[in-house]
């Protein structure tokens, strides 16, 4: 039940995070000054926290969506299977988020 609520909350968070993504894309198309402003924000501590949260919301929502897809296929309805899928979605969302950020820092040189 708690993960179902978190799934809905991450869906809502994705709406707001997509506004940040749109701001970044519009700034990239607008020129170096606008892009520098967005980069300054996303490079700040609060900006990194927001982008990290957006990444986690996206990965968690993806993994929960896969869990729901498994259920739509007619599998995973036994109590132990539901529990395993729930924990799997939670752990996979966190692991994918960490993996993305580790790769991003390795490729970007810690920027």
PDB file of N, CA and C in Angstrom:
ATOM      1  N   UNK A   1       0.821  -1.188   0.000  1.00  0.00           N
ATOM      2  CA  UNK A   1       0.000   0.000   0.000  1.00  0.00           C
ATOM      3  C   UNK A   1       0.871   1.261   0.000  1.00  0.00           C
ATOM      4  N   UNK A   2       1.908   1.255   0.824  1.00  0.00           N
ATOM      5  CA  UNK A   2       2.777   2.437   0.900  1.00  0.00           C
ATOM      6  C   UNK A   2       3.472   2.684  -0.434  1.00  0.00           C
ATOM      7  N   UNK A   3       3.901   1.611  -1.096  1.00  0.00           N
ATOM      8  CA  UNK A   3       4.578   1.793  -2.374  1.00  0.00           C
ATOM      9  C   UNK A   3       3.619   2.295  -3.446  1.00  0.00           C
ATOM     10  N   UNK A   4       2.365   1.940  -3.341  1.00  0.00           N
ATOM     11  CA  UNK A   4       1.360   2.446  -4.276  1.00  0.00           C
ATOM     12  C   UNK A   4       1.210   3.957  -4.120  1.00  0.00           C
ATOM     13  N   UNK A   5       1.226   4.424  -2.891  1.00  0.00           N
ATOM     14  CA  UNK A   5       1.136   5.862  -2.626  1.00  0.00           C
ATOM     15  C   UNK A   5       2.399   6.562  -3.147  1.00  0.00           C
ATOM     16  N   UNK A   6       3.566   5.948  -2.913  1.00  0.00           N
ATOM     17  CA  UNK A   6       4.824   6.526  -3.400  1.00  0.00           C
ATOM     18  C   UNK A   6       4.823   6.573  -4.929  1.00  0.00           C
ATOM     19  N   UNK A   7       4.256   5.532  -5.570  1.00  0.00           N
ATOM     20  CA  UNK A   7       4.173   5.514  -7.030  1.00  0.00           C
ATOM     21  C   UNK A   7       3.358   6.704  -7.538  1.00  0.00           C
ATOM     22  N   UNK A   8       2.264   6.986  -6.882  1.00  0.00           N
ATOM     23  CA  UNK A   8       1.438   8.143  -7.272  1.00  0.00           C
ATOM     24  C   UNK A   8       2.176   9.461  -7.004  1.00  0.00           C
ATOM     25  N   UNK A   9       2.864   9.526  -5.878  1.00  0.00           N
ATOM     26  CA  UNK A   9       3.615  10.743  -5.540  1.00  0.00           C
ATOM     27  C   UNK A   9       4.752  10.978  -6.531  1.00  0.00           C
ATOM     28  N   UNK A  10       5.435   9.914  -6.948  1.00  0.00           N
ATOM     29  CA  UNK A  10       6.513  10.089  -7.924  1.00  0.00           C
ATOM     30  C   UNK A  10       5.938  10.501  -9.279  1.00  0.00           C
ATOM     31  N   UNK A  11       4.758  10.013  -9.600  1.00  0.00           N
ATOM     32  CA  UNK A  11       4.108  10.465 -10.834  1.00  0.00           C
ATOM     33  C   UNK A  11       3.839  11.953 -10.798  1.00  0.00           C
ATOM     34  N   UNK A  12       3.387  12.449  -9.660  1.00  0.00           N
ATOM     35  CA  UNK A  12       3.153  13.888  -9.495  1.00  0.00           C
ATOM     36  C   UNK A  12       4.476  14.659  -9.544  1.00  0.00           C
ATOM     37  N   UNK A  13       5.502  14.127  -8.903  1.00  0.00           N
ATOM     38  CA  UNK A  13       6.816  14.784  -8.915  1.00  0.00           C
ATOM     39  C   UNK A  13       7.383  14.859 -10.327  1.00  0.00           C
ATOM     40  N   UNK A  14       7.066  13.884 -11.151  1.00  0.00           N
ATOM     41  CA  UNK A  14       7.559  13.890 -12.531  1.00  0.00           C
ATOM     42  C   UNK A  14       6.980  15.051 -13.325  1.00  0.00           C
ATOM     43  N   UNK A  15       5.754  15.451 -13.013  1.00  0.00           N
ATOM     44  CA  UNK A  15       5.181  16.621 -13.684  1.00  0.00           C
ATOM     45  C   UNK A  15       6.031  17.864 -13.417  1.00  0.00           C
ATOM     46  N   UNK A  16       6.383  18.077 -12.151  1.00  0.00           N
ATOM     47  CA  UNK A  16       7.165  19.258 -11.791  1.00  0.00           C
ATOM     48  C   UNK A  16       8.608  19.143 -12.282  1.00  0.00           C
ATOM     49  N   UNK A  17       9.170  17.945 -12.233  1.00  0.00           N
ATOM     50  CA  UNK A  17      10.522  17.748 -12.745  1.00  0.00           C
ATOM     51  C   UNK A  17      10.608  17.962 -14.242  1.00  0.00           C
ATOM     52  N   UNK A  18       9.529  17.652 -14.932  1.00  0.00           N
ATOM     53  CA  UNK A  18       9.508  17.868 -16.373  1.00  0.00           C
ATOM     54  C   UNK A  18       9.524  19.358 -16.705  1.00  0.00           C
ATOM     55  N   UNK A  19       8.988  20.179 -15.834  1.00  0.00           N
ATOM     56  CA  UNK A  19       9.103  21.635 -16.015  1.00  0.00           C
ATOM     57  C   UNK A  19      10.565  22.065 -15.958  1.00  0.00           C
ATOM     58  N   UNK A  20      11.321  21.476 -15.045  1.00  0.00           N
ATOM     59  CA  UNK A  20      12.755  21.764 -14.956  1.00  0.00           C
ATOM     60  C   UNK A  20      13.467  21.303 -16.227  1.00  0.00           C
ATOM     61  N   UNK A  21      13.111  20.126 -16.715  1.00  0.00           N
ATOM     62  CA  UNK A  21      13.696  19.627 -17.954  1.00  0.00           C
ATOM     63  C   UNK A  21      13.360  20.544 -19.129  1.00  0.00           C
ATOM     64  N   UNK A  22      12.121  20.995 -19.193  1.00  0.00           N
ATOM     65  CA  UNK A  22      11.714  21.916 -20.264  1.00  0.00           C
ATOM     66  C   UNK A  22      12.486  23.228 -20.158  1.00  0.00           C
ATOM     67  N   UNK A  23      12.674  23.742 -18.945  1.00  0.00           N
ATOM     68  CA  UNK A  23      13.451  24.965 -18.734  1.00  0.00           C
ATOM     69  C   UNK A  23      14.867  24.789 -19.270  1.00  0.00           C
ATOM     70  N   UNK A  24      15.471  23.639 -18.980  1.00  0.00           N
ATOM     71  CA  UNK A  24      16.831  23.354 -19.434  1.00  0.00           C
ATOM     72  C   UNK A  24      16.892  23.307 -20.961  1.00  0.00           C
ATOM     73  N   UNK A  25      15.932  22.624 -21.592  1.00  0.00           N
ATOM     74  CA  UNK A  25      15.920  22.523 -23.056  1.00  0.00           C
ATOM     75  C   UNK A  25      15.681  23.879 -23.721  1.00  0.00           C
ATOM     76  N   UNK A  26      14.759  24.655 -23.167  1.00  0.00           N
ATOM     77  CA  UNK A  26      14.484  25.985 -23.721  1.00  0.00           C
ATOM     78  C   UNK A  26      15.713  26.878 -23.568  1.00  0.00           C
ATOM     79  N   UNK A  27      16.375  26.797 -22.417  1.00  0.00           N
ATOM     80  CA  UNK A  27      17.578  27.596 -22.190  1.00  0.00           C
ATOM     81  C   UNK A  27      18.695  27.183 -23.147  1.00  0.00           C
ATOM     82  N   UNK A  28      18.818  25.879 -23.392  1.00  0.00           N
ATOM     83  CA  UNK A  28      19.846  25.403 -24.323  1.00  0.00           C
ATOM     84  C   UNK A  28      19.604  25.947 -25.728  1.00  0.00           C
ATOM     85  N   UNK A  29      18.332  26.085 -26.095  1.00  0.00           N
ATOM     86  CA  UNK A  29      17.997  26.608 -27.426  1.00  0.00           C
ATOM     87  C   UNK A  29      18.059  28.128 -27.477  1.00  0.00           C
ATOM     88  N   UNK A  30      18.011  28.770 -26.308  1.00  0.00           N
ATOM     89  CA  UNK A  30      17.966  30.237 -26.266  1.00  0.00           C
ATOM     90  C   UNK A  30      19.331  30.901 -26.328  1.00  0.00           C
ATOM     91  N   UNK A  31      20.358  30.191 -25.947  1.00  0.00           N
ATOM     92  CA  UNK A  31      21.687  30.785 -26.020  1.00  0.00           C
ATOM     93  C   UNK A  31      22.508  30.559 -24.770  1.00  0.00           C
ATOM     94  N   UNK A  32      23.776  30.963 -24.801  1.00  0.00           N
ATOM     95  CA  UNK A  32      24.695  30.676 -23.708  1.00  0.00           C
ATOM     96  C   UNK A  32      24.330  31.331 -22.380  1.00  0.00           C
ATOM     97  N   UNK A  33      23.765  32.519 -22.416  1.00  0.00           N
ATOM     98  CA  UNK A  33      23.433  33.204 -21.160  1.00  0.00           C
ATOM     99  C   UNK A  33      22.303  32.482 -20.434  1.00  0.00           C
ATOM    100  N   UNK A  34      21.242  32.157 -21.154  1.00  0.00           N
ATOM    101  CA  UNK A  34      20.114  31.444 -20.550  1.00  0.00           C
ATOM    102  C   UNK A  34      20.549  30.071 -20.057  1.00  0.00           C
ATOM    103  N   UNK A  35      21.386  29.404 -20.849  1.00  0.00           N
ATOM    104  CA  UNK A  35      21.866  28.080 -20.465  1.00  0.00           C
ATOM    105  C   UNK A  35      22.738  28.151 -19.220  1.00  0.00           C
ATOM    106  N   UNK A  36      23.562  29.178 -19.133  1.00  0.00           N
ATOM    107  CA  UNK A  36      24.429  29.355 -17.959  1.00  0.00           C
ATOM    108  C   UNK A  36      23.596  29.560 -16.697  1.00  0.00           C
ATOM    109  N   UNK A  37      22.469  30.268 -16.821  1.00  0.00           N
ATOM    110  CA  UNK A  37      21.588  30.467 -15.662  1.00  0.00           C
ATOM    111  C   UNK A  37      21.018  29.145 -15.163  1.00  0.00           C
ATOM    112  N   UNK A  38      20.573  28.304 -16.084  1.00  0.00           N
ATOM    113  CA  UNK A  38      20.029  27.000 -15.691  1.00  0.00           C
ATOM    114  C   UNK A  38      21.130  26.140 -15.086  1.00  0.00           C
ATOM    115  N   UNK A  39      22.303  26.158 -15.702  1.00  0.00           N
ATOM    116  CA  UNK A  39      23.414  25.366 -15.193  1.00  0.00           C
ATOM    117  C   UNK A  39      23.837  25.838 -13.796  1.00  0.00           C
ATOM    118  N   UNK A  40      23.771  27.139 -13.560  1.00  0.00           N
ATOM    119  CA  UNK A  40      24.103  27.665 -12.230  1.00  0.00           C
ATOM    120  C   UNK A  40      23.115  27.139 -11.193  1.00  0.00           C
ATOM    121  N   UNK A  41      21.840  27.103 -11.575  1.00  0.00           N
ATOM    122  CA  UNK A  41      20.825  26.592 -10.639  1.00  0.00           C
ATOM    123  C   UNK A  41      21.009  25.103 -10.399  1.00  0.00           C
ATOM    124  N   UNK A  42      21.122  24.320 -11.477  1.00  0.00           N
ATOM    125  CA  UNK A  42      21.231  22.868 -11.306  1.00  0.00           C
ATOM    126  C   UNK A  42      22.574  22.460 -10.707  1.00  0.00           C
ATOM    127  N   UNK A  43      23.561  23.333 -10.783  1.00  0.00           N
ATOM    128  CA  UNK A  43      24.848  23.051 -10.174  1.00  0.00           C
ATOM    129  C   UNK A  43      24.915  23.398  -8.700  1.00  0.00           C
ATOM    130  N   UNK A  44      23.914  24.135  -8.209  1.00  0.00           N
ATOM    131  CA  UNK A  44      23.880  24.477  -6.781  1.00  0.00           C
ATOM    132  C   UNK A  44      23.437  23.256  -5.975  1.00  0.00           C
ATOM    133  N   UNK A  45      23.620  23.337  -4.670  1.00  0.00           N
ATOM    134  CA  UNK A  45      23.259  22.216  -3.807  1.00  0.00           C
ATOM    135  C   UNK A  45      21.770  21.894  -3.913  1.00  0.00           C
ATOM    136  N   UNK A  46      20.919  22.911  -3.865  1.00  0.00           N
ATOM    137  CA  UNK A  46      19.477  22.673  -3.950  1.00  0.00           C
ATOM    138  C   UNK A  46      19.106  22.155  -5.342  1.00  0.00           C
ATOM    139  N   UNK A  47      19.769  22.667  -6.370  1.00  0.00           N
ATOM    140  CA  UNK A  47      19.511  22.205  -7.728  1.00  0.00           C
ATOM    141  C   UNK A  47      19.883  20.746  -7.907  1.00  0.00           C
ATOM    142  N   UNK A  48      21.046  20.357  -7.376  1.00  0.00           N
ATOM    143  CA  UNK A  48      21.467  18.959  -7.457  1.00  0.00           C
ATOM    144  C   UNK A  48      20.506  18.060  -6.694  1.00  0.00           C
ATOM    145  N   UNK A  49      20.028  18.525  -5.555  1.00  0.00           N
ATOM    146  CA  UNK A  49      19.064  17.745  -4.777  1.00  0.00           C
ATOM    147  C   UNK A  49      17.771  17.547  -5.564  1.00  0.00           C
ATOM    148  N   UNK A  50      17.305  18.600  -6.221  1.00  0.00           N
ATOM    149  CA  UNK A  50      16.085  18.506  -7.021  1.00  0.00           C
ATOM    150  C   UNK A  50      16.292  17.560  -8.206  1.00  0.00           C
ATOM    151  N   UNK A  51      17.410  17.680  -8.890  1.00  0.00           N
ATOM    152  CA  UNK A  51      17.674  16.803 -10.040  1.00  0.00           C
ATOM    153  C   UNK A  51      17.858  15.357  -9.580  1.00  0.00           C
ATOM    154  N   UNK A  52      18.495  15.166  -8.432  1.00  0.00           N
ATOM    155  CA  UNK A  52      18.628  13.816  -7.873  1.00  0.00           C
ATOM    156  C   UNK A  52      17.251  13.247  -7.552  1.00  0.00           C
ATOM    157  N   UNK A  53      16.402  14.046  -6.928  1.00  0.00           N
ATOM    158  CA  UNK A  53      15.042  13.601  -6.610  1.00  0.00           C
ATOM    159  C   UNK A  53      14.244  13.287  -7.866  1.00  0.00           C
ATOM    160  N   UNK A  54      14.432  14.098  -8.904  1.00  0.00           N
ATOM    161  CA  UNK A  54      13.748  13.846 -10.173  1.00  0.00           C
ATOM    162  C   UNK A  54      14.227  12.526 -10.781  1.00  0.00           C
ATOM    163  N   UNK A  55      15.534  12.279 -10.705  1.00  0.00           N
ATOM    164  CA  UNK A  55      16.081  11.027 -11.223  1.00  0.00           C
ATOM    165  C   UNK A  55      15.496   9.842 -10.466  1.00  0.00           C
ATOM    166  N   UNK A  56      15.460   9.948  -9.131  1.00  0.00           N
ATOM    167  CA  UNK A  56      14.892   8.856  -8.343  1.00  0.00           C
ATOM    168  C   UNK A  56      13.407   8.671  -8.656  1.00  0.00           C
ATOM    169  N   UNK A  57      12.655   9.749  -8.763  1.00  0.00           N
ATOM    170  CA  UNK A  57      11.231   9.642  -9.072  1.00  0.00           C
ATOM    171  C   UNK A  57      11.026   8.943 -10.411  1.00  0.00           C
ATOM    172  N   UNK A  58      11.849   9.296 -11.390  1.00  0.00           N
ATOM    173  CA  UNK A  58      11.744   8.687 -12.711  1.00  0.00           C
ATOM    174  C   UNK A  58      12.071   7.195 -12.653  1.00  0.00           C
ATOM    175  N   UNK A  59      13.150   6.836 -11.991  1.00  0.00           N
ATOM    176  CA  UNK A  59      13.549   5.431 -11.912  1.00  0.00           C
ATOM    177  C   UNK A  59      12.565   4.609 -11.070  1.00  0.00           C
ATOM    178  N   UNK A  60      12.109   5.188  -9.970  1.00  0.00           N
ATOM    179  CA  UNK A  60      11.146   4.476  -9.131  1.00  0.00           C
ATOM    180  C   UNK A  60       9.829   4.271  -9.872  1.00  0.00           C
ATOM    181  N   UNK A  61       9.387   5.294 -10.569  1.00  0.00           N
ATOM    182  CA  UNK A  61       8.138   5.205 -11.325  1.00  0.00           C
ATOM    183  C   UNK A  61       8.272   4.163 -12.439  1.00  0.00           C
ATOM    184  N   UNK A  62       9.433   4.107 -13.082  1.00  0.00           N
ATOM    185  CA  UNK A  62       9.692   3.105 -14.106  1.00  0.00           C
ATOM    186  C   UNK A  62       9.607   1.693 -13.519  1.00  0.00           C
ATOM    187  N   UNK A  63      10.282   1.473 -12.411  1.00  0.00           N
ATOM    188  CA  UNK A  63      10.304   0.142 -11.798  1.00  0.00           C
ATOM    189  C   UNK A  63       8.921  -0.256 -11.273  1.00  0.00           C
ATOM    190  N   UNK A  64       8.199   0.686 -10.718  1.00  0.00           N
ATOM    191  CA  UNK A  64       6.833   0.390 -10.274  1.00  0.00           C
ATOM    192  C   UNK A  64       5.933   0.111 -11.466  1.00  0.00           C
ATOM    193  N   UNK A  65       6.159   0.792 -12.564  1.00  0.00           N
ATOM    194  CA  UNK A  65       5.395   0.525 -13.778  1.00  0.00           C
ATOM    195  C   UNK A  65       5.648  -0.877 -14.297  1.00  0.00           C
ATOM    196  N   UNK A  66       6.889  -1.329 -14.211  1.00  0.00           N
ATOM    197  CA  UNK A  66       7.213  -2.710 -14.601  1.00  0.00           C
ATOM    198  C   UNK A  66       6.508  -3.687 -13.681  1.00  0.00           C
ATOM    199  N   UNK A  67       6.462  -3.369 -12.396  1.00  0.00           N
ATOM    200  CA  UNK A  67       5.754  -4.222 -11.425  1.00  0.00           C
ATOM    201  C   UNK A  67       4.281  -4.330 -11.809  1.00  0.00           C
ATOM    202  N   UNK A  68       3.670  -3.216 -12.152  1.00  0.00           N
ATOM    203  CA  UNK A  68       2.266  -3.232 -12.576  1.00  0.00           C
ATOM    204  C   UNK A  68       2.093  -3.995 -13.885  1.00  0.00           C
ATOM    205  N   UNK A  69       3.066  -3.892 -14.783  1.00  0.00           N
ATOM    206  CA  UNK A  69       3.009  -4.630 -16.043  1.00  0.00           C
ATOM    207  C   UNK A  69       3.030  -6.137 -15.790  1.00  0.00           C
ATOM    208  N   UNK A  70       3.876  -6.571 -14.839  1.00  0.00           N
ATOM    209  CA  UNK A  70       3.924  -7.991 -14.471  1.00  0.00           C
ATOM    210  C   UNK A  70       2.550  -8.433 -13.965  1.00  0.00           C
ATOM    211  N   UNK A  71       1.922  -7.601 -13.162  1.00  0.00           N
ATOM    212  CA  UNK A  71       0.576  -7.924 -12.679  1.00  0.00           C
ATOM    213  C   UNK A  71      -0.425  -7.966 -13.827  1.00  0.00           C
ATOM    214  N   UNK A  72      -0.301  -7.045 -14.776  1.00  0.00           N
ATOM    215  CA  UNK A  72      -1.196  -7.038 -15.938  1.00  0.00           C
ATOM    216  C   UNK A  72      -1.061  -8.314 -16.760  1.00  0.00           C
ATOM    217  N   UNK A  73       0.121  -8.912 -16.734  1.00  0.00           N
ATOM    218  CA  UNK A  73       0.332 -10.169 -17.445  1.00  0.00           C
ATOM    219  C   UNK A  73      -0.239 -11.360 -16.679  1.00  0.00           C
ATOM    220  N   UNK A  74      -0.692 -11.105 -15.454  1.00  0.00           N
ATOM    221  CA  UNK A  74      -1.322 -12.164 -14.654  1.00  0.00           C
ATOM    222  C   UNK A  74      -0.402 -12.884 -13.699  1.00  0.00           C
ATOM    223  N   UNK A  75       0.767 -12.315 -13.446  1.00  0.00           N
ATOM    224  CA  UNK A  75       1.732 -12.949 -12.543  1.00  0.00           C
ATOM    225  C   UNK A  75       1.927 -12.109 -11.285  1.00  0.00           C
ATOM    226  N   UNK A  76       2.476 -12.769 -10.250  1.00  0.00           N
ATOM    227  CA  UNK A  76       2.905 -12.047  -9.058  1.00  0.00           C
ATOM    228  C   UNK A  76       1.817 -11.663  -8.077  1.00  0.00           C
ATOM    229  N   UNK A  77       0.740 -12.446  -8.005  1.00  0.00           N
ATOM    230  CA  UNK A  77      -0.363 -12.094  -7.110  1.00  0.00           C
ATOM    231  C   UNK A  77      -0.315 -12.803  -5.759  1.00  0.00           C
ATOM    232  N   UNK A  78       0.526 -13.812  -5.623  1.00  0.00           N
ATOM    233  CA  UNK A  78       0.660 -14.469  -4.322  1.00  0.00           C
ATOM    234  C   UNK A  78       1.338 -13.494  -3.365  1.00  0.00           C
ATOM    235  N   UNK A  79       1.076 -13.665  -2.091  1.00  0.00           N
ATOM    236  CA  UNK A  79       1.580 -12.714  -1.084  1.00  0.00           C
ATOM    237  C   UNK A  79       3.103 -12.562  -1.150  1.00  0.00           C
ATOM    238  N   UNK A  80       3.818 -13.671  -1.233  1.00  0.00           N
ATOM    239  CA  UNK A  80       5.291 -13.580  -1.263  1.00  0.00           C
ATOM    240  C   UNK A  80       5.785 -12.977  -2.575  1.00  0.00           C
ATOM    241  N   UNK A  81       5.069 -13.219  -3.675  1.00  0.00           N
ATOM    242  CA  UNK A  81       5.447 -12.625  -4.958  1.00  0.00           C
ATOM    243  C   UNK A  81       5.200 -11.114  -4.966  1.00  0.00           C
ATOM    244  N   UNK A  82       4.071 -10.695  -4.407  1.00  0.00           N
ATOM    245  CA  UNK A  82       3.785  -9.256  -4.302  1.00  0.00           C
ATOM    246  C   UNK A  82       4.852  -8.560  -3.471  1.00  0.00           C
ATOM    247  N   UNK A  83       5.220  -9.187  -2.373  1.00  0.00           N
ATOM    248  CA  UNK A  83       6.254  -8.623  -1.493  1.00  0.00           C
ATOM    249  C   UNK A  83       7.593  -8.512  -2.228  1.00  0.00           C
ATOM    250  N   UNK A  84       7.950  -9.545  -2.962  1.00  0.00           N
ATOM    251  CA  UNK A  84       9.216  -9.539  -3.707  1.00  0.00           C
ATOM    252  C   UNK A  84       9.197  -8.465  -4.800  1.00  0.00           C
ATOM    253  N   UNK A  85       8.094  -8.342  -5.510  1.00  0.00           N
ATOM    254  CA  UNK A  85       7.995  -7.309  -6.549  1.00  0.00           C
ATOM    255  C   UNK A  85       8.062  -5.913  -5.951  1.00  0.00           C
ATOM    256  N   UNK A  86       7.425  -5.739  -4.800  1.00  0.00           N
ATOM    257  CA  UNK A  86       7.430  -4.437  -4.133  1.00  0.00           C
ATOM    258  C   UNK A  86       8.842  -4.050  -3.711  1.00  0.00           C
ATOM    259  N   UNK A  87       9.523  -4.957  -3.031  1.00  0.00           N
ATOM    260  CA  UNK A  87      10.894  -4.667  -2.602  1.00  0.00           C
ATOM    261  C   UNK A  87      11.824  -4.532  -3.798  1.00  0.00           C
ATOM    262  N   UNK A  88      11.586  -5.347  -4.821  1.00  0.00           N
ATOM    263  CA  UNK A  88      12.395  -5.262  -6.032  1.00  0.00           C
ATOM    264  C   UNK A  88      12.283  -3.899  -6.696  1.00  0.00           C
ATOM    265  N   UNK A  89      11.055  -3.372  -6.787  1.00  0.00           N
ATOM    266  CA  UNK A  89      10.837  -2.058  -7.386  1.00  0.00           C
ATOM    267  C   UNK A  89      11.521  -0.969  -6.567  1.00  0.00           C
ATOM    268  N   UNK A  90      11.421  -1.065  -5.259  1.00  0.00           N
ATOM    269  CA  UNK A  90      12.034  -0.064  -4.387  1.00  0.00           C
ATOM    270  C   UNK A  90      13.560  -0.091  -4.504  1.00  0.00           C
ATOM    271  N   UNK A  91      14.140  -1.270  -4.385  1.00  0.00           N
ATOM    272  CA  UNK A  91      15.601  -1.403  -4.446  1.00  0.00           C
ATOM    273  C   UNK A  91      16.126  -1.058  -5.839  1.00  0.00           C
ATOM    274  N   UNK A  92      15.431  -1.511  -6.881  1.00  0.00           N
ATOM    275  CA  UNK A  92      15.871  -1.229  -8.257  1.00  0.00           C
ATOM    276  C   UNK A  92      15.836   0.267  -8.550  1.00  0.00           C
ATOM    277  N   UNK A  93      14.814   0.963  -8.072  1.00  0.00           N
ATOM    278  CA  UNK A  93      14.729   2.409  -8.279  1.00  0.00           C
ATOM    279  C   UNK A  93      15.897   3.142  -7.642  1.00  0.00           C
ATOM    280  N   UNK A  94      16.233   2.758  -6.431  1.00  0.00           N
ATOM    281  CA  UNK A  94      17.363   3.375  -5.730  1.00  0.00           C
ATOM    282  C   UNK A  94      18.676   3.010  -6.423  1.00  0.00           C
ATOM    283  N   UNK A  95      18.833   1.732  -6.779  1.00  0.00           N
ATOM    284  CA  UNK A  95      20.071   1.275  -7.417  1.00  0.00           C
ATOM    285  C   UNK A  95      20.274   1.942  -8.778  1.00  0.00           C
ATOM    286  N   UNK A  96      19.225   2.043  -9.573  1.00  0.00           N
ATOM    287  CA  UNK A  96      19.342   2.695 -10.875  1.00  0.00           C
ATOM    288  C   UNK A  96      19.686   4.177 -10.730  1.00  0.00           C
ATOM    289  N   UNK A  97      19.085   4.832  -9.750  1.00  0.00           N
ATOM    290  CA  UNK A  97      19.398   6.243  -9.500  1.00  0.00           C
ATOM    291  C   UNK A  97      20.868   6.412  -9.149  1.00  0.00           C
ATOM    292  N   UNK A  98      21.349   5.599  -8.256  1.00  0.00           N
ATOM    293  CA  UNK A  98      22.760   5.685  -7.860  1.00  0.00           C
ATOM    294  C   UNK A  98      23.667   5.379  -9.047  1.00  0.00           C
ATOM    295  N   UNK A  99      23.322   4.376  -9.848  1.00  0.00           N
ATOM    296  CA  UNK A  99      24.126   4.021 -11.005  1.00  0.00           C
ATOM    297  C   UNK A  99      24.184   5.166 -12.016  1.00  0.00           C
ATOM    298  N   UNK A 100      23.052   5.786 -12.277  1.00  0.00           N
ATOM    299  CA  UNK A 100      23.006   6.919 -13.206  1.00  0.00           C
ATOM    300  C   UNK A 100      23.892   8.056 -12.719  1.00  0.00           C
ATOM    301  N   UNK A 101      23.814   8.373 -11.435  1.00  0.00           N
ATOM    302  CA  UNK A 101      24.611   9.481 -10.900  1.00  0.00           C
ATOM    303  C   UNK A 101      26.101   9.147 -10.858  1.00  0.00           C
ATOM    304  N   UNK A 102      26.432   7.911 -10.570  1.00  0.00           N
ATOM    305  CA  UNK A 102      27.841   7.516 -10.579  1.00  0.00           C
ATOM    306  C   UNK A 102      28.403   7.620 -11.989  1.00  0.00           C
ATOM    307  N   UNK A 103      27.640   7.130 -12.976  1.00  0.00           N
ATOM    308  CA  UNK A 103      28.082   7.219 -14.368  1.00  0.00           C
ATOM    309  C   UNK A 103      28.173   8.692 -14.805  1.00  0.00           C
ATOM    310  N   UNK A 104      27.184   9.481 -14.430  1.00  0.00           N
ATOM    311  CA  UNK A 104      27.192  10.901 -14.810  1.00  0.00           C
ATOM    312  C   UNK A 104      28.412  11.615 -14.237  1.00  0.00           C
ATOM    313  N   UNK A 105      28.747  11.344 -12.987  1.00  0.00           N
ATOM    314  CA  UNK A 105      29.929  11.978 -12.389  1.00  0.00           C
ATOM    315  C   UNK A 105      31.219  11.457 -12.997  1.00  0.00           C
ATOM    316  N   UNK A 106      31.241  10.174 -13.358  1.00  0.00           N
ATOM    317  CA  UNK A 106      32.452   9.608 -13.970  1.00  0.00           C
ATOM    318  C   UNK A 106      32.666  10.196 -15.355  1.00  0.00           C
ATOM    319  N   UNK A 107      31.599  10.323 -16.127  1.00  0.00           N
ATOM    320  CA  UNK A 107      31.703  10.864 -17.475  1.00  0.00           C
ATOM    321  C   UNK A 107      31.918  12.374 -17.445  1.00  0.00           C
ATOM    322  N   UNK A 108      31.231  13.054 -16.539  1.00  0.00           N
ATOM    323  CA  UNK A 108      31.316  14.515 -16.462  1.00  0.00           C
ATOM    324  C   UNK A 108      32.472  15.025 -15.648  1.00  0.00           C
ATOM    325  N   UNK A 109      33.260  14.149 -15.072  1.00  0.00           N
ATOM    326  CA  UNK A 109      34.420  14.585 -14.308  1.00  0.00           C
ATOM    327  C   UNK A 109      34.050  15.267 -12.994  1.00  0.00           C
ATOM    328  N   UNK A 110      32.897  14.908 -12.400  1.00  0.00           N
ATOM    329  CA  UNK A 110      32.500  15.479 -11.123  1.00  0.00           C
ATOM    330  C   UNK A 110      31.838  16.835 -11.210  1.00  0.00           C
ATOM    331  N   UNK A 111      31.474  17.259 -12.416  1.00  0.00           N
ATOM    332  CA  UNK A 111      30.817  18.553 -12.563  1.00  0.00           C
ATOM    333  C   UNK A 111      29.374  18.486 -12.166  1.00  0.00           C
TER     334      UNK A 111
END
